[in-house]
Amino acid sequence: MFPKVFAGKHVGHPAVQLRRVRTVELAASNIVAYADGERIGALPMTIEVVPHAVCVLA
């Protein structure tokens, strides 16, 4: 199923659930979290979406 992720075709699969949240807690043993290919730290961690936190000029 992983190749379908790149085209967005995984969302209809019964094992996939979509949720709109502002905060998510991730926990697992001996796992390191990455964001956009960059290592951000070991789990457990809490990740929060902060509206208007990033300004992009194009």
N, C-alpha and C. Protein backbone atom coordinates (compact mmCIF):
# COMPACT_ATOMS: atom_id res chain seq x y z
N MET A 1 0.80 -1.19 0.00
CA MET A 1 0.00 0.00 0.00
C MET A 1 0.86 1.26 0.00
N PHE A 2 2.09 1.19 0.50
CA PHE A 2 2.91 2.40 0.64
C PHE A 2 3.07 3.19 -0.66
N PRO A 3 3.28 2.57 -1.81
CA PRO A 3 3.39 3.38 -3.03
C PRO A 3 2.15 4.23 -3.32
N LYS A 4 0.99 3.83 -2.85
CA LYS A 4 -0.24 4.59 -3.06
C LYS A 4 -0.24 5.90 -2.27
N VAL A 5 0.58 5.99 -1.23
CA VAL A 5 0.63 7.19 -0.40
C VAL A 5 1.03 8.40 -1.24
N PHE A 6 1.96 8.24 -2.15
CA PHE A 6 2.47 9.36 -2.94
C PHE A 6 1.41 9.95 -3.86
N ALA A 7 0.43 9.14 -4.26
CA ALA A 7 -0.64 9.63 -5.13
C ALA A 7 -1.91 9.94 -4.34
N GLY A 8 -1.88 9.72 -3.02
CA GLY A 8 -3.05 9.98 -2.20
C GLY A 8 -4.13 8.93 -2.33
N LYS A 9 -3.80 7.77 -2.89
CA LYS A 9 -4.79 6.73 -3.12
C LYS A 9 -4.92 5.74 -1.96
N HIS A 10 -4.24 6.01 -0.87
CA HIS A 10 -4.29 5.13 0.29
C HIS A 10 -5.48 5.44 1.21
N VAL A 11 -6.10 6.60 1.05
CA VAL A 11 -7.11 7.05 2.01
C VAL A 11 -8.39 6.21 2.00
N GLY A 12 -8.66 5.47 0.95
CA GLY A 12 -9.84 4.63 0.91
C GLY A 12 -9.62 3.24 1.49
N HIS A 13 -8.40 2.92 1.87
CA HIS A 13 -8.09 1.59 2.40
C HIS A 13 -8.69 1.44 3.80
N PRO A 14 -9.27 0.27 4.13
CA PRO A 14 -9.90 0.10 5.45
C PRO A 14 -8.94 0.21 6.63
N ALA A 15 -7.65 0.06 6.43
CA ALA A 15 -6.68 0.18 7.52
C ALA A 15 -6.26 1.62 7.77
N VAL A 16 -6.73 2.56 6.95
CA VAL A 16 -6.33 3.96 7.06
C VAL A 16 -7.47 4.76 7.67
N GLN A 17 -7.15 5.56 8.68
CA GLN A 17 -8.11 6.46 9.30
C GLN A 17 -7.56 7.88 9.23
N LEU A 18 -8.40 8.82 8.85
CA LEU A 18 -8.00 10.22 8.80
C LEU A 18 -8.70 10.97 9.93
N ARG A 19 -7.96 11.82 10.62
CA ARG A 19 -8.49 12.63 11.71
C ARG A 19 -7.93 14.04 11.59
N ARG A 20 -8.76 15.04 11.91
CA ARG A 20 -8.28 16.42 11.99
C ARG A 20 -8.00 16.71 13.46
N VAL A 21 -6.75 16.98 13.76
CA VAL A 21 -6.35 17.25 15.14
C VAL A 21 -5.35 18.40 15.15
N ARG A 22 -5.21 19.03 16.30
CA ARG A 22 -4.18 20.06 16.46
C ARG A 22 -2.98 19.54 17.22
N THR A 23 -3.21 18.48 18.00
CA THR A 23 -2.13 17.89 18.80
C THR A 23 -2.19 16.37 18.66
N VAL A 24 -1.02 15.75 18.54
CA VAL A 24 -0.95 14.29 18.48
C VAL A 24 0.23 13.85 19.35
N GLU A 25 0.03 12.77 20.09
CA GLU A 25 1.09 12.21 20.92
C GLU A 25 1.58 10.92 20.28
N LEU A 26 2.88 10.82 20.10
CA LEU A 26 3.50 9.63 19.51
C LEU A 26 4.35 8.95 20.57
N ALA A 27 4.17 7.63 20.70
CA ALA A 27 4.95 6.89 21.69
C ALA A 27 5.30 5.52 21.12
N ALA A 28 6.56 5.14 21.26
CA ALA A 28 7.05 3.82 20.85
C ALA A 28 8.44 3.66 21.43
N SER A 29 8.83 2.41 21.63
CA SER A 29 10.16 2.14 22.18
C SER A 29 11.21 2.15 21.07
N ASN A 30 12.34 2.78 21.36
CA ASN A 30 13.50 2.76 20.46
C ASN A 30 13.20 3.27 19.05
N ILE A 31 12.38 4.32 18.96
CA ILE A 31 12.03 4.91 17.66
C ILE A 31 12.42 6.39 17.67
N VAL A 32 13.00 6.84 16.57
CA VAL A 32 13.36 8.25 16.40
C VAL A 32 12.40 8.85 15.38
N ALA A 33 11.88 10.04 15.68
CA ALA A 33 10.95 10.71 14.78
C ALA A 33 11.71 11.59 13.79
N TYR A 34 11.19 11.63 12.57
CA TYR A 34 11.74 12.49 11.52
C TYR A 34 10.62 13.35 10.96
N ALA A 35 10.96 14.57 10.57
CA ALA A 35 10.01 15.48 9.92
C ALA A 35 10.69 16.05 8.70
N ASP A 36 10.10 15.85 7.56
CA ASP A 36 10.64 16.34 6.29
C ASP A 36 12.08 15.87 6.08
N GLY A 37 12.36 14.63 6.51
CA GLY A 37 13.68 14.05 6.33
C GLY A 37 14.70 14.43 7.38
N GLU A 38 14.32 15.26 8.34
CA GLU A 38 15.24 15.69 9.39
C GLU A 38 14.89 15.01 10.70
N ARG A 39 15.91 14.54 11.41
CA ARG A 39 15.70 13.92 12.71
C ARG A 39 15.24 14.99 13.71
N ILE A 40 14.11 14.74 14.39
CA ILE A 40 13.62 15.72 15.37
C ILE A 40 13.69 15.22 16.80
N GLY A 41 13.91 13.91 17.01
CA GLY A 41 14.09 13.42 18.38
C GLY A 41 13.48 12.06 18.61
N ALA A 42 13.79 11.52 19.77
CA ALA A 42 13.29 10.20 20.14
C ALA A 42 11.87 10.30 20.69
N LEU A 43 11.10 9.24 20.47
CA LEU A 43 9.76 9.17 21.04
C LEU A 43 9.87 8.76 22.50
N PRO A 44 8.91 9.12 23.33
CA PRO A 44 7.63 9.76 23.04
C PRO A 44 7.79 11.27 22.85
N MET A 45 6.83 11.84 22.10
CA MET A 45 6.79 13.29 21.91
C MET A 45 5.36 13.72 21.59
N THR A 46 5.09 14.97 21.84
CA THR A 46 3.80 15.57 21.50
C THR A 46 4.06 16.58 20.40
N ILE A 47 3.27 16.49 19.34
CA ILE A 47 3.42 17.38 18.19
C ILE A 47 2.16 18.23 18.10
N GLU A 48 2.35 19.54 17.96
CA GLU A 48 1.23 20.47 17.92
C GLU A 48 1.28 21.31 16.65
N VAL A 49 0.13 21.50 16.04
CA VAL A 49 0.01 22.39 14.90
C VAL A 49 -0.30 23.78 15.44
N VAL A 50 0.50 24.75 15.05
CA VAL A 50 0.32 26.13 15.51
C VAL A 50 -0.09 26.97 14.31
N PRO A 51 -1.37 27.38 14.25
CA PRO A 51 -1.82 28.18 13.10
C PRO A 51 -1.01 29.47 12.96
N HIS A 52 -0.66 29.80 11.73
CA HIS A 52 0.07 31.03 11.38
C HIS A 52 1.47 31.09 11.97
N ALA A 53 2.06 29.94 12.31
CA ALA A 53 3.39 29.92 12.91
C ALA A 53 4.49 30.11 11.87
N VAL A 54 4.21 29.81 10.61
CA VAL A 54 5.21 29.94 9.56
C VAL A 54 4.70 30.90 8.49
N CYS A 55 5.56 31.79 8.11
CA CYS A 55 5.22 32.75 7.06
C CYS A 55 6.10 32.43 5.84
N VAL A 56 5.47 32.24 4.69
CA VAL A 56 6.21 31.91 3.49
C VAL A 56 6.03 33.02 2.47
N LEU A 57 7.13 33.54 1.96
CA LEU A 57 7.09 34.57 0.92
C LEU A 57 7.55 33.93 -0.38
N ALA A 58 6.77 34.13 -1.41
CA ALA A 58 7.13 33.56 -2.71
C ALA A 58 7.24 34.65 -3.75
